[in-house]
Amino acid sequence: MAKFRPDGWHTVTPRIVVSDPENLITFIKMVFQAEGEFHHGRPAEIMIGDSVVMVSGGDGLRDPMPAFLYVYVEDADSTYERAIAANAISLEVPTDMPYGDRRAMVRDPWGNRWQIATHQRDLSAAEIRLRLANDR
């Protein structure tokens, strides 16, 4: 009996629809060191770390729409730099966040927003509240 989802996939799978999927896939592979290939006529299955992101072109049934994705990476700073080198626009430079992540944000040439993060420390809810209060 078939499983309700394929092996290696999570229950929720982001799907990005753009007018130029082949070049978006090149961008994702360069910036996030992702794996996967463009396919004419069907969505590409791009692996970013342990996650699958489907990328496809608008086919008249699906209109292009931007995505907003939070992506954990080993090094937020170097990933951010690769994104800028690949013509992304900086929305936030890499910054240590009060909840323990180092995070940056970019917008790619297709209008997608990517929050790029590296988790640096586990903090309790009380520690996060204190950090947020001190940032005001």
C-alpha atoms as a PDB file:
ATOM      1  CA  MET A   1       0.000   0.000   0.000  1.00  0.00           C
ATOM      2  CA  ALA A   2       1.341   3.422  -0.942  1.00  0.00           C
ATOM      3  CA  LYS A   3       2.193   5.940   1.775  1.00  0.00           C
ATOM      4  CA  PHE A   4       0.264   9.188   1.876  1.00  0.00           C
ATOM      5  CA  ARG A   5       3.471  11.101   0.975  1.00  0.00           C
ATOM      6  CA  PRO A   6       6.648  10.040  -0.847  1.00  0.00           C
ATOM      7  CA  ASP A   7       9.756   9.032   1.108  1.00  0.00           C
ATOM      8  CA  GLY A   8      11.947  12.024   1.901  1.00  0.00           C
ATOM      9  CA  TRP A   9       9.136  14.565   1.662  1.00  0.00           C
ATOM     10  CA  HIS A  10       7.575  16.495   4.528  1.00  0.00           C
ATOM     11  CA  THR A  11       3.837  16.968   5.004  1.00  0.00           C
ATOM     12  CA  VAL A  12       4.005  20.584   3.777  1.00  0.00           C
ATOM     13  CA  THR A  13       5.987  21.201   0.597  1.00  0.00           C
ATOM     14  CA  PRO A  14       6.567  24.754  -0.635  1.00  0.00           C
ATOM     15  CA  ARG A  15       5.938  25.328  -4.333  1.00  0.00           C
ATOM     16  CA  ILE A  16       7.226  28.378  -6.172  1.00  0.00           C
ATOM     17  CA  VAL A  17       5.663  29.332  -9.511  1.00  0.00           C
ATOM     18  CA  VAL A  18       7.604  31.826 -11.652  1.00  0.00           C
ATOM     19  CA  SER A  19       7.760  32.831 -15.291  1.00  0.00           C
ATOM     20  CA  ASP A  20      11.417  31.741 -15.527  1.00  0.00           C
ATOM     21  CA  PRO A  21      11.824  28.573 -13.432  1.00  0.00           C
ATOM     22  CA  GLU A  22      15.082  27.437 -15.024  1.00  0.00           C
ATOM     23  CA  ASN A  23      16.978  30.530 -13.871  1.00  0.00           C
ATOM     24  CA  LEU A  24      15.345  30.522 -10.433  1.00  0.00           C
ATOM     25  CA  ILE A  25      16.558  26.942 -10.001  1.00  0.00           C
ATOM     26  CA  THR A  26      20.078  28.052 -10.964  1.00  0.00           C
ATOM     27  CA  PHE A  27      19.832  30.811  -8.332  1.00  0.00           C
ATOM     28  CA  ILE A  28      18.631  28.412  -5.618  1.00  0.00           C
ATOM     29  CA  LYS A  29      21.366  25.901  -6.428  1.00  0.00           C
ATOM     30  CA  MET A  30      24.068  28.594  -6.324  1.00  0.00           C
ATOM     31  CA  VAL A  31      22.882  30.340  -3.166  1.00  0.00           C
ATOM     32  CA  PHE A  32      21.714  27.383  -1.063  1.00  0.00           C
ATOM     33  CA  GLN A  33      23.962  24.689  -2.565  1.00  0.00           C
ATOM     34  CA  ALA A  34      20.770  22.863  -3.455  1.00  0.00           C
ATOM     35  CA  GLU A  35      20.369  19.830  -5.683  1.00  0.00           C
ATOM     36  CA  GLY A  36      17.882  19.128  -8.433  1.00  0.00           C
ATOM     37  CA  GLU A  37      17.296  19.857 -12.092  1.00  0.00           C
ATOM     38  CA  PHE A  38      14.911  21.866 -14.223  1.00  0.00           C
ATOM     39  CA  HIS A  39      12.386  19.831 -16.233  1.00  0.00           C
ATOM     40  CA  HIS A  40      10.204  21.119 -19.044  1.00  0.00           C
ATOM     41  CA  GLY A  41       6.528  20.425 -18.435  1.00  0.00           C
ATOM     42  CA  ARG A  42       6.699  19.385 -14.796  1.00  0.00           C
ATOM     43  CA  PRO A  43       7.774  20.850 -11.466  1.00  0.00           C
ATOM     44  CA  ALA A  44      11.404  20.545 -10.466  1.00  0.00           C
ATOM     45  CA  GLU A  45      12.061  18.942  -7.093  1.00  0.00           C
ATOM     46  CA  ILE A  46      14.856  20.976  -5.545  1.00  0.00           C
ATOM     47  CA  MET A  47      16.500  19.751  -2.346  1.00  0.00           C
ATOM     48  CA  ILE A  48      17.638  22.475   0.034  1.00  0.00           C
ATOM     49  CA  GLY A  49      19.190  20.591   2.914  1.00  0.00           C
ATOM     50  CA  ASP A  50      16.566  18.061   4.029  1.00  0.00           C
ATOM     51  CA  SER A  51      13.638  19.908   2.396  1.00  0.00           C
ATOM     52  CA  VAL A  52      12.025  19.642  -1.016  1.00  0.00           C
ATOM     53  CA  VAL A  53      10.906  22.825  -2.772  1.00  0.00           C
ATOM     54  CA  MET A  54       8.908  22.427  -5.960  1.00  0.00           C
ATOM     55  CA  VAL A  55       9.661  25.009  -8.669  1.00  0.00           C
ATOM     56  CA  SER A  56       7.637  25.361 -11.838  1.00  0.00           C
ATOM     57  CA  GLY A  57       6.577  27.835 -14.474  1.00  0.00           C
ATOM     58  CA  GLY A  58       3.142  29.294 -14.858  1.00  0.00           C
ATOM     59  CA  ASP A  59       1.231  27.145 -17.315  1.00  0.00           C
ATOM     60  CA  GLY A  60      -1.964  29.144 -17.561  1.00  0.00           C
ATOM     61  CA  LEU A  61      -3.438  27.230 -14.626  1.00  0.00           C
ATOM     62  CA  ARG A  62      -1.032  28.664 -12.071  1.00  0.00           C
ATOM     63  CA  ASP A  63      -0.143  32.330 -11.952  1.00  0.00           C
ATOM     64  CA  PRO A  64       3.362  33.255 -10.826  1.00  0.00           C
ATOM     65  CA  MET A  65       3.423  34.324  -7.192  1.00  0.00           C
ATOM     66  CA  PRO A  66       6.270  35.135  -4.850  1.00  0.00           C
ATOM     67  CA  ALA A  67       7.196  32.936  -1.903  1.00  0.00           C
ATOM     68  CA  PHE A  68       8.488  33.889   1.549  1.00  0.00           C
ATOM     69  CA  LEU A  69      10.701  31.137   2.941  1.00  0.00           C
ATOM     70  CA  TYR A  70      12.774  30.824   6.127  1.00  0.00           C
ATOM     71  CA  VAL A  71      15.809  28.676   5.340  1.00  0.00           C
ATOM     72  CA  TYR A  72      18.255  27.363   7.925  1.00  0.00           C
ATOM     73  CA  VAL A  73      21.822  27.099   6.637  1.00  0.00           C
ATOM     74  CA  GLU A  74      25.206  26.345   8.202  1.00  0.00           C
ATOM     75  CA  ASP A  75      26.515  29.877   7.612  1.00  0.00           C
ATOM     76  CA  ALA A  76      24.007  32.697   7.147  1.00  0.00           C
ATOM     77  CA  ASP A  77      26.724  35.213   6.274  1.00  0.00           C
ATOM     78  CA  SER A  78      28.267  33.268   3.396  1.00  0.00           C
ATOM     79  CA  THR A  79      24.835  32.241   2.073  1.00  0.00           C
ATOM     80  CA  TYR A  80      23.764  35.898   2.150  1.00  0.00           C
ATOM     81  CA  GLU A  81      26.905  36.860   0.224  1.00  0.00           C
ATOM     82  CA  ARG A  82      26.178  34.210  -2.425  1.00  0.00           C
ATOM     83  CA  ALA A  83      22.643  35.560  -2.748  1.00  0.00           C
ATOM     84  CA  ILE A  84      23.911  39.114  -3.276  1.00  0.00           C
ATOM     85  CA  ALA A  85      26.429  37.826  -5.841  1.00  0.00           C
ATOM     86  CA  ALA A  86      23.513  36.124  -7.636  1.00  0.00           C
ATOM     87  CA  ASN A  87      21.698  39.483  -8.008  1.00  0.00           C
ATOM     88  CA  ALA A  88      19.452  39.295  -4.950  1.00  0.00           C
ATOM     89  CA  ILE A  89      18.574  42.563  -3.229  1.00  0.00           C
ATOM     90  CA  SER A  90      19.452  42.885   0.435  1.00  0.00           C
ATOM     91  CA  LEU A  91      16.463  43.503   2.703  1.00  0.00           C
ATOM     92  CA  GLU A  92      18.321  42.795   5.973  1.00  0.00           C
ATOM     93  CA  VAL A  93      22.039  42.287   6.498  1.00  0.00           C
ATOM     94  CA  PRO A  94      23.072  39.344   8.699  1.00  0.00           C
ATOM     95  CA  THR A  95      22.166  40.183  12.298  1.00  0.00           C
ATOM     96  CA  ASP A  96      22.002  38.292  15.575  1.00  0.00           C
ATOM     97  CA  MET A  97      18.342  38.002  16.544  1.00  0.00           C
ATOM     98  CA  PRO A  98      17.063  37.999  20.142  1.00  0.00           C
ATOM     99  CA  TYR A  99      15.654  34.473  19.763  1.00  0.00           C
ATOM    100  CA  GLY A 100      19.037  32.891  19.010  1.00  0.00           C
ATOM    101  CA  ASP A 101      19.271  32.912  15.205  1.00  0.00           C
ATOM    102  CA  ARG A 102      21.659  34.891  13.026  1.00  0.00           C
ATOM    103  CA  ARG A 103      19.456  36.020  10.159  1.00  0.00           C
ATOM    104  CA  ALA A 104      19.521  37.968   6.912  1.00  0.00           C
ATOM    105  CA  MET A 105      16.842  38.595   4.288  1.00  0.00           C
ATOM    106  CA  VAL A 106      17.034  39.015   0.521  1.00  0.00           C
ATOM    107  CA  ARG A 107      14.642  39.344  -2.392  1.00  0.00           C
ATOM    108  CA  ASP A 108      15.594  37.377  -5.496  1.00  0.00           C
ATOM    109  CA  PRO A 109      15.065  38.699  -9.046  1.00  0.00           C
ATOM    110  CA  TRP A 110      11.709  36.800  -9.219  1.00  0.00           C
ATOM    111  CA  GLY A 111      10.270  38.580  -6.174  1.00  0.00           C
ATOM    112  CA  ASN A 112      10.700  35.740  -3.669  1.00  0.00           C
ATOM    113  CA  ARG A 113      11.857  36.663  -0.181  1.00  0.00           C
ATOM    114  CA  TRP A 114      14.344  34.439   1.582  1.00  0.00           C
ATOM    115  CA  GLN A 115      15.127  34.712   5.267  1.00  0.00           C
ATOM    116  CA  ILE A 116      18.502  33.045   5.667  1.00  0.00           C
ATOM    117  CA  ALA A 117      19.254  31.864   9.196  1.00  0.00           C
ATOM    118  CA  THR A 118      21.769  29.970  11.279  1.00  0.00           C
ATOM    119  CA  HIS A 119      20.593  28.878  14.722  1.00  0.00           C
ATOM    120  CA  GLN A 120      23.282  29.903  17.223  1.00  0.00           C
ATOM    121  CA  ARG A 121      21.810  29.189  20.640  1.00  0.00           C
ATOM    122  CA  ASP A 122      18.788  27.728  22.365  1.00  0.00           C
ATOM    123  CA  LEU A 123      17.085  30.241  24.634  1.00  0.00           C
ATOM    124  CA  SER A 124      14.202  29.920  27.068  1.00  0.00           C
ATOM    125  CA  ALA A 125      11.052  31.979  26.552  1.00  0.00           C
ATOM    126  CA  ALA A 126      12.081  34.121  29.546  1.00  0.00           C
ATOM    127  CA  GLU A 127      15.506  34.818  28.006  1.00  0.00           C
ATOM    128  CA  ILE A 128      13.906  35.794  24.697  1.00  0.00           C
ATOM    129  CA  ARG A 129      11.450  38.150  26.436  1.00  0.00           C
ATOM    130  CA  LEU A 130      14.332  39.765  28.341  1.00  0.00           C
ATOM    131  CA  ARG A 131      16.363  40.203  25.145  1.00  0.00           C
ATOM    132  CA  LEU A 132      13.359  41.728  23.337  1.00  0.00           C
ATOM    133  CA  ALA A 133      12.724  44.113  26.250  1.00  0.00           C
ATOM    134  CA  ASN A 134      16.374  45.211  26.240  1.00  0.00           C
ATOM    135  CA  ASP A 135      16.250  45.905  22.476  1.00  0.00           C
ATOM    136  CA  ARG A 136      13.544  48.554  22.886  1.00  0.00           C
END
